[in-house]
C-alpha atoms as a PDB file:
ATOM      1  CA  MET A   1     140.265  90.322 189.771  1.00  0.00           C
ATOM      2  CA  ASN A   2     143.656  90.022 188.011  1.00  0.00           C
ATOM      3  CA  GLN A   3     144.567  87.300 185.529  1.00  0.00           C
ATOM      4  CA  HIS A   4     146.456  85.233 188.134  1.00  0.00           C
ATOM      5  CA  ASP A   5     143.429  85.176 190.438  1.00  0.00           C
ATOM      6  CA  GLN A   6     141.135  84.299 187.512  1.00  0.00           C
ATOM      7  CA  LEU A   7     143.369  81.381 186.545  1.00  0.00           C
ATOM      8  CA  LYS A   8     143.507  80.148 190.136  1.00  0.00           C
ATOM      9  CA  GLU A   9     139.700  80.343 190.337  1.00  0.00           C
ATOM     10  CA  HIS A  10     139.369  78.355 187.090  1.00  0.00           C
ATOM     11  CA  VAL A  11     141.769  75.640 188.287  1.00  0.00           C
ATOM     12  CA  MET A  12     140.056  75.252 191.660  1.00  0.00           C
ATOM     13  CA  PHE A  13     136.613  75.009 190.060  1.00  0.00           C
ATOM     14  CA  PHE A  14     137.578  72.416 187.469  1.00  0.00           C
ATOM     15  CA  ARG A  15     139.397  70.378 190.120  1.00  0.00           C
ATOM     16  CA  GLU A  16     136.092  70.169 191.990  1.00  0.00           C
ATOM     17  CA  LEU A  17     134.485  68.790 188.814  1.00  0.00           C
ATOM     18  CA  GLY A  18     137.162  66.122 188.497  1.00  0.00           C
ATOM     19  CA  VAL A  19     139.478  67.819 186.007  1.00  0.00           C
ATOM     20  CA  GLU A  20     143.032  67.110 187.128  1.00  0.00           C
ATOM     21  CA  GLY A  21     144.759  69.485 184.755  1.00  0.00           C
ATOM     22  CA  VAL A  22     144.788  71.143 181.360  1.00  0.00           C
ATOM     23  CA  SER A  23     147.231  71.122 178.503  1.00  0.00           C
ATOM     24  CA  GLN A  24     147.645  72.767 175.122  1.00  0.00           C
ATOM     25  CA  ASP A  25     148.711  69.379 173.751  1.00  0.00           C
ATOM     26  CA  ARG A  26     146.186  68.224 171.127  1.00  0.00           C
ATOM     27  CA  ALA A  27     146.073  64.813 172.832  1.00  0.00           C
ATOM     28  CA  TRP A  28     144.144  66.461 175.676  1.00  0.00           C
ATOM     29  CA  ILE A  29     141.026  66.615 173.509  1.00  0.00           C
ATOM     30  CA  THR A  30     140.713  62.823 173.744  1.00  0.00           C
ATOM     31  CA  ARG A  31     141.038  62.571 177.523  1.00  0.00           C
ATOM     32  CA  PRO A  32     137.784  61.583 179.248  1.00  0.00           C
ATOM     33  CA  VAL A  33     136.888  63.407 182.449  1.00  0.00           C
ATOM     34  CA  ASP A  34     134.671  62.050 185.212  1.00  0.00           C
ATOM     35  CA  VAL A  35     132.186  64.548 186.619  1.00  0.00           C
ATOM     36  CA  VAL A  36     129.098  64.597 188.819  1.00  0.00           C
ATOM     37  CA  ARG A  37     125.571  64.092 187.460  1.00  0.00           C
ATOM     38  CA  PRO A  38     125.179  66.104 184.223  1.00  0.00           C
ATOM     39  CA  GLU A  39     122.307  68.326 185.345  1.00  0.00           C
ATOM     40  CA  GLU A  40     124.141  69.199 188.562  1.00  0.00           C
ATOM     41  CA  ALA A  41     127.463  69.815 186.831  1.00  0.00           C
ATOM     42  CA  VAL A  42     125.916  72.028 184.129  1.00  0.00           C
ATOM     43  CA  GLY A  43     124.260  74.093 186.862  1.00  0.00           C
ATOM     44  CA  GLN A  44     127.507  74.381 188.813  1.00  0.00           C
ATOM     45  CA  ILE A  45     129.358  75.575 185.741  1.00  0.00           C
ATOM     46  CA  ARG A  46     126.726  78.261 185.143  1.00  0.00           C
ATOM     47  CA  GLU A  47     126.971  79.362 188.769  1.00  0.00           C
ATOM     48  CA  GLN A  48     130.733  79.572 188.472  1.00  0.00           C
ATOM     49  CA  LEU A  49     130.416  81.667 185.323  1.00  0.00           C
ATOM     50  CA  GLY A  50     128.208  84.089 187.242  1.00  0.00           C
ATOM     51  CA  ASP A  51     127.760  87.596 185.841  1.00  0.00           C
ATOM     52  CA  CYS A  52     131.041  87.144 184.017  1.00  0.00           C
ATOM     53  CA  THR A  53     133.409  90.091 183.603  1.00  0.00           C
ATOM     54  CA  ARG A  54     136.490  87.992 182.770  1.00  0.00           C
ATOM     55  CA  CYS A  55     136.987  89.487 179.293  1.00  0.00           C
ATOM     56  CA  LYS A  56     136.129  92.721 177.524  1.00  0.00           C
ATOM     57  CA  LEU A  57     132.973  91.355 175.913  1.00  0.00           C
ATOM     58  CA  HIS A  58     131.029  91.837 179.140  1.00  0.00           C
ATOM     59  CA  SER A  59     130.992  95.592 178.564  1.00  0.00           C
ATOM     60  CA  THR A  60     128.957  95.350 175.344  1.00  0.00           C
ATOM     61  CA  ARG A  61     126.720  92.304 175.864  1.00  0.00           C
ATOM     62  CA  SER A  62     123.101  92.345 176.995  1.00  0.00           C
ATOM     63  CA  ASN A  63     122.992  88.760 178.301  1.00  0.00           C
ATOM     64  CA  ILE A  64     125.302  85.817 178.796  1.00  0.00           C
ATOM     65  CA  VAL A  65     124.305  83.056 176.388  1.00  0.00           C
ATOM     66  CA  TYR A  66     125.305  79.940 178.295  1.00  0.00           C
ATOM     67  CA  GLY A  67     123.577  76.991 176.636  1.00  0.00           C
ATOM     68  CA  VAL A  68     120.191  75.348 176.341  1.00  0.00           C
ATOM     69  CA  GLY A  69     118.713  71.879 176.123  1.00  0.00           C
ATOM     70  CA  ASP A  70     118.945  68.491 177.769  1.00  0.00           C
ATOM     71  CA  PRO A  71     122.043  68.202 180.028  1.00  0.00           C
ATOM     72  CA  CYS A  72     121.895  64.437 179.469  1.00  0.00           C
ATOM     73  CA  ALA A  73     121.703  64.767 175.682  1.00  0.00           C
ATOM     74  CA  GLU A  74     123.537  62.334 173.436  1.00  0.00           C
ATOM     75  CA  LEU A  75     123.865  65.053 170.776  1.00  0.00           C
ATOM     76  CA  MET A  76     125.460  68.458 171.326  1.00  0.00           C
ATOM     77  CA  PHE A  77     125.793  71.335 168.859  1.00  0.00           C
ATOM     78  CA  VAL A  78     128.559  73.925 169.251  1.00  0.00           C
ATOM     79  CA  GLY A  79     128.459  77.189 167.321  1.00  0.00           C
ATOM     80  CA  GLU A  80     130.699  80.228 167.242  1.00  0.00           C
ATOM     81  CA  ALA A  81     129.193  83.037 169.296  1.00  0.00           C
ATOM     82  CA  PRO A  82     125.820  84.642 170.048  1.00  0.00           C
ATOM     83  CA  GLY A  83     124.285  87.037 167.553  1.00  0.00           C
ATOM     84  CA  ARG A  84     121.906  89.913 168.179  1.00  0.00           C
ATOM     85  CA  ASP A  85     118.809  87.812 168.828  1.00  0.00           C
ATOM     86  CA  GLU A  86     120.719  85.469 171.112  1.00  0.00           C
ATOM     87  CA  ASP A  87     122.247  88.373 173.015  1.00  0.00           C
ATOM     88  CA  GLN A  88     118.806  89.860 173.595  1.00  0.00           C
ATOM     89  CA  GLN A  89     117.175  86.603 174.726  1.00  0.00           C
ATOM     90  CA  GLY A  90     120.114  84.904 176.440  1.00  0.00           C
ATOM     91  CA  VAL A  91     119.480  81.694 174.457  1.00  0.00           C
ATOM     92  CA  PRO A  92     121.697  80.267 171.674  1.00  0.00           C
ATOM     93  CA  PHE A  93     120.435  79.877 168.110  1.00  0.00           C
ATOM     94  CA  VAL A  94     117.075  81.624 168.320  1.00  0.00           C
ATOM     95  CA  GLY A  95     117.395  83.849 165.252  1.00  0.00           C
ATOM     96  CA  ARG A  96     117.042  82.931 161.594  1.00  0.00           C
ATOM     97  CA  ALA A  97     119.984  80.511 161.719  1.00  0.00           C
ATOM     98  CA  GLY A  98     118.533  79.004 164.867  1.00  0.00           C
ATOM     99  CA  GLN A  99     115.231  78.329 163.162  1.00  0.00           C
ATOM    100  CA  LEU A 100     117.087  76.492 160.416  1.00  0.00           C
ATOM    101  CA  LEU A 101     119.054  74.533 163.022  1.00  0.00           C
ATOM    102  CA  THR A 102     115.779  73.445 164.601  1.00  0.00           C
ATOM    103  CA  LYS A 103     114.620  72.122 161.209  1.00  0.00           C
ATOM    104  CA  ILE A 104     117.930  70.283 160.793  1.00  0.00           C
ATOM    105  CA  ILE A 105     117.483  68.653 164.200  1.00  0.00           C
ATOM    106  CA  GLU A 106     113.927  67.647 163.358  1.00  0.00           C
ATOM    107  CA  ALA A 107     115.118  66.155 160.065  1.00  0.00           C
ATOM    108  CA  ILE A 108     116.982  63.446 162.011  1.00  0.00           C
ATOM    109  CA  ASP A 109     113.893  62.664 164.089  1.00  0.00           C
ATOM    110  CA  LEU A 110     114.843  64.660 167.176  1.00  0.00           C
ATOM    111  CA  ARG A 111     113.430  67.740 168.848  1.00  0.00           C
ATOM    112  CA  ARG A 112     115.381  70.811 169.878  1.00  0.00           C
ATOM    113  CA  GLU A 113     114.768  69.955 173.548  1.00  0.00           C
ATOM    114  CA  ASP A 114     116.370  66.533 173.003  1.00  0.00           C
ATOM    115  CA  VAL A 115     119.806  68.017 172.273  1.00  0.00           C
ATOM    116  CA  TYR A 116     122.127  70.531 173.925  1.00  0.00           C
ATOM    117  CA  ILE A 117     123.189  73.714 172.129  1.00  0.00           C
ATOM    118  CA  ALA A 118     126.073  75.998 173.100  1.00  0.00           C
ATOM    119  CA  ASN A 119     128.706  78.296 171.598  1.00  0.00           C
ATOM    120  CA  VAL A 120     132.450  78.637 171.926  1.00  0.00           C
ATOM    121  CA  ILE A 121     131.914  82.185 173.239  1.00  0.00           C
ATOM    122  CA  LYS A 122     129.170  83.044 175.753  1.00  0.00           C
ATOM    123  CA  CYS A 123     128.884  86.773 174.931  1.00  0.00           C
ATOM    124  CA  ARG A 124     128.155  88.492 171.635  1.00  0.00           C
ATOM    125  CA  PRO A 125     131.184  90.175 170.041  1.00  0.00           C
ATOM    126  CA  PRO A 126     130.433  93.743 168.894  1.00  0.00           C
ATOM    127  CA  LYS A 127     128.899  93.838 165.395  1.00  0.00           C
ATOM    128  CA  ASN A 128     129.174  90.033 165.286  1.00  0.00           C
ATOM    129  CA  ARG A 129     132.920  90.155 164.625  1.00  0.00           C
ATOM    130  CA  ASN A 130     134.970  86.999 165.107  1.00  0.00           C
ATOM    131  CA  PRO A 131     135.957  86.264 168.713  1.00  0.00           C
ATOM    132  CA  GLU A 132     139.512  87.308 169.525  1.00  0.00           C
ATOM    133  CA  PRO A 133     142.203  84.986 170.969  1.00  0.00           C
ATOM    134  CA  ASP A 134     142.010  86.340 174.522  1.00  0.00           C
ATOM    135  CA  GLU A 135     138.216  85.981 174.504  1.00  0.00           C
ATOM    136  CA  ILE A 136     138.481  82.381 173.338  1.00  0.00           C
ATOM    137  CA  GLU A 137     141.125  81.596 175.947  1.00  0.00           C
ATOM    138  CA  THR A 138     138.922  82.995 178.694  1.00  0.00           C
ATOM    139  CA  CYS A 139     135.690  81.310 177.617  1.00  0.00           C
ATOM    140  CA  GLN A 140     136.930  77.994 176.234  1.00  0.00           C
ATOM    141  CA  PRO A 141     137.305  76.227 179.616  1.00  0.00           C
ATOM    142  CA  TYR A 142     133.576  76.691 180.262  1.00  0.00           C
ATOM    143  CA  LEU A 143     132.727  75.016 176.959  1.00  0.00           C
ATOM    144  CA  PHE A 144     135.086  72.139 177.784  1.00  0.00           C
ATOM    145  CA  ALA A 145     133.420  71.828 181.177  1.00  0.00           C
ATOM    146  CA  GLN A 146     129.967  71.757 179.544  1.00  0.00           C
ATOM    147  CA  ILE A 147     131.077  68.982 177.192  1.00  0.00           C
ATOM    148  CA  ASP A 148     132.564  66.968 180.045  1.00  0.00           C
ATOM    149  CA  ALA A 149     129.448  67.435 182.162  1.00  0.00           C
ATOM    150  CA  ILE A 150     126.993  66.472 179.414  1.00  0.00           C
ATOM    151  CA  GLN A 151     129.176  63.681 178.003  1.00  0.00           C
ATOM    152  CA  PRO A 152     127.430  63.631 174.612  1.00  0.00           C
ATOM    153  CA  LYS A 153     127.829  60.713 172.266  1.00  0.00           C
ATOM    154  CA  VAL A 154     128.134  63.042 169.263  1.00  0.00           C
ATOM    155  CA  ILE A 155     129.199  66.686 168.948  1.00  0.00           C
ATOM    156  CA  VAL A 156     128.370  68.699 165.832  1.00  0.00           C
ATOM    157  CA  ALA A 157     130.723  71.650 165.334  1.00  0.00           C
ATOM    158  CA  LEU A 158     128.869  74.320 163.371  1.00  0.00           C
ATOM    159  CA  GLY A 159     131.020  76.438 161.105  1.00  0.00           C
ATOM    160  CA  ALA A 160     134.683  77.059 160.474  1.00  0.00           C
ATOM    161  CA  PHE A 161     135.331  78.945 163.681  1.00  0.00           C
ATOM    162  CA  ALA A 162     133.855  76.298 165.992  1.00  0.00           C
ATOM    163  CA  VAL A 163     135.620  73.515 164.099  1.00  0.00           C
ATOM    164  CA  LYS A 164     138.994  75.253 164.263  1.00  0.00           C
ATOM    165  CA  THR A 165     138.600  76.121 167.939  1.00  0.00           C
ATOM    166  CA  LEU A 166     137.593  72.629 168.999  1.00  0.00           C
ATOM    167  CA  LEU A 167     139.958  70.602 166.828  1.00  0.00           C
ATOM    168  CA  GLN A 168     142.879  73.071 166.839  1.00  0.00           C
ATOM    169  CA  ARG A 169     143.434  72.426 163.133  1.00  0.00           C
ATOM    170  CA  ASP A 170     144.122  74.939 160.382  1.00  0.00           C
ATOM    171  CA  GLU A 171     142.477  73.098 157.484  1.00  0.00           C
ATOM    172  CA  SER A 172     139.385  74.643 155.946  1.00  0.00           C
ATOM    173  CA  ILE A 173     136.002  73.315 156.968  1.00  0.00           C
ATOM    174  CA  SER A 174     135.492  72.099 153.399  1.00  0.00           C
ATOM    175  CA  LYS A 175     138.425  69.732 153.924  1.00  0.00           C
ATOM    176  CA  LEU A 176     137.429  68.683 157.443  1.00  0.00           C
ATOM    177  CA  ARG A 177     133.721  68.068 156.947  1.00  0.00           C
ATOM    178  CA  GLY A 178     132.782  64.582 155.857  1.00  0.00           C
ATOM    179  CA  ARG A 179     135.111  63.161 158.502  1.00  0.00           C
ATOM    180  CA  THR A 180     134.573  61.946 162.062  1.00  0.00           C
ATOM    181  CA  PHE A 181     136.945  62.865 164.888  1.00  0.00           C
ATOM    182  CA  ASP A 182     137.382  61.494 168.401  1.00  0.00           C
ATOM    183  CA  TYR A 183     136.901  64.349 170.822  1.00  0.00           C
ATOM    184  CA  ARG A 184     136.763  64.229 174.635  1.00  0.00           C
ATOM    185  CA  GLY A 185     134.991  60.890 174.683  1.00  0.00           C
ATOM    186  CA  ALA A 186     132.585  61.815 171.852  1.00  0.00           C
ATOM    187  CA  LYS A 187     132.518  61.641 168.063  1.00  0.00           C
ATOM    188  CA  LEU A 188     132.848  65.103 166.536  1.00  0.00           C
ATOM    189  CA  ILE A 189     131.264  65.903 163.172  1.00  0.00           C
ATOM    190  CA  PRO A 190     132.267  69.198 161.488  1.00  0.00           C
ATOM    191  CA  THR A 191     129.653  70.803 159.271  1.00  0.00           C
ATOM    192  CA  PHE A 192     128.671  74.176 157.858  1.00  0.00           C
ATOM    193  CA  HIS A 193     127.001  76.773 160.061  1.00  0.00           C
ATOM    194  CA  PRO A 194     123.267  77.245 159.381  1.00  0.00           C
ATOM    195  CA  ALA A 195     123.841  80.937 158.649  1.00  0.00           C
ATOM    196  CA  TYR A 196     126.283  79.958 155.889  1.00  0.00           C
ATOM    197  CA  LEU A 197     123.565  77.946 154.176  1.00  0.00           C
ATOM    198  CA  PHE A 198     121.581  81.115 153.502  1.00  0.00           C
ATOM    199  CA  ARG A 199     124.531  82.423 151.480  1.00  0.00           C
ATOM    200  CA  SER A 200     125.422  79.056 149.937  1.00  0.00           C
ATOM    201  CA  PRO A 201     122.258  76.964 149.646  1.00  0.00           C
ATOM    202  CA  ASP A 202     124.133  74.440 147.500  1.00  0.00           C
ATOM    203  CA  LYS A 203     125.876  73.277 150.710  1.00  0.00           C
ATOM    204  CA  LYS A 204     122.612  72.032 152.220  1.00  0.00           C
ATOM    205  CA  ALA A 205     123.216  68.632 150.641  1.00  0.00           C
ATOM    206  CA  ASP A 206     126.571  68.405 152.425  1.00  0.00           C
ATOM    207  CA  VAL A 207     124.985  69.252 155.758  1.00  0.00           C
ATOM    208  CA  TRP A 208     122.327  66.612 155.180  1.00  0.00           C
ATOM    209  CA  GLU A 209     125.032  64.007 154.549  1.00  0.00           C
ATOM    210  CA  ASP A 210     126.745  65.067 157.777  1.00  0.00           C
ATOM    211  CA  MET A 211     123.508  64.825 159.718  1.00  0.00           C
ATOM    212  CA  LYS A 212     122.786  61.365 158.353  1.00  0.00           C
ATOM    213  CA  ARG A 213     126.171  60.348 159.750  1.00  0.00           C
ATOM    214  CA  VAL A 214     125.173  61.902 163.080  1.00  0.00           C
ATOM    215  CA  ARG A 215     121.943  59.925 163.092  1.00  0.00           C
ATOM    216  CA  SER A 216     123.816  56.723 162.330  1.00  0.00           C
ATOM    217  CA  LEU A 217     126.300  57.310 165.160  1.00  0.00           C
ATOM    218  CA  LEU A 218     123.482  57.994 167.608  1.00  0.00           C
ATOM    219  CA  ARG A 219     121.804  54.738 166.664  1.00  0.00           C
ATOM    220  CA  GLU A 220     124.940  52.671 167.164  1.00  0.00           C
ATOM    221  CA  GLY A 221     124.949  50.538 170.346  1.00  0.00           C
END
């Protein structure tokens, strides 16, 4: 399938979900999108993704890592890309960083199954390198569709890469965290990636402050 056919397929699919168009304008991130019931829409998006071969990452992955959790969740976490453990199991955040994320979720009185967890990229980049622009461009619409289907109240962007990809801003995560952004009908909270906390344990206090803000937003009317 060539790039023109892939783009046409994307447009037709998102039109069925209620998306009338896309734009690179940053204002698009605030536009709400009406979709079908969350559990149905999330399933449709996964079916559309199929055994994806739309970018070069398919040749080195073991499994697509789509997303996991409650499709009606009020809280959604978005990371960067699958690692080795995630690639092997087909589930996001199951390795060491995932275990820490589970503890973070439990610290705000939720369970892992109460939230939804996904990544910007659905396939593991070789040697855990950063995703490349063409890979992001190919995979990003599926993340947007997941967000629009789930319609979370709060989104937590985990790590510099996820924050930059979602917000399309060049500031460092240290400058962006501690703030709340409007994003596709949700409130977006940037924070450090759990894996980063193993290298910089002094940042755990910052993440805790961010998660207290998440808890407060979830409890608001």
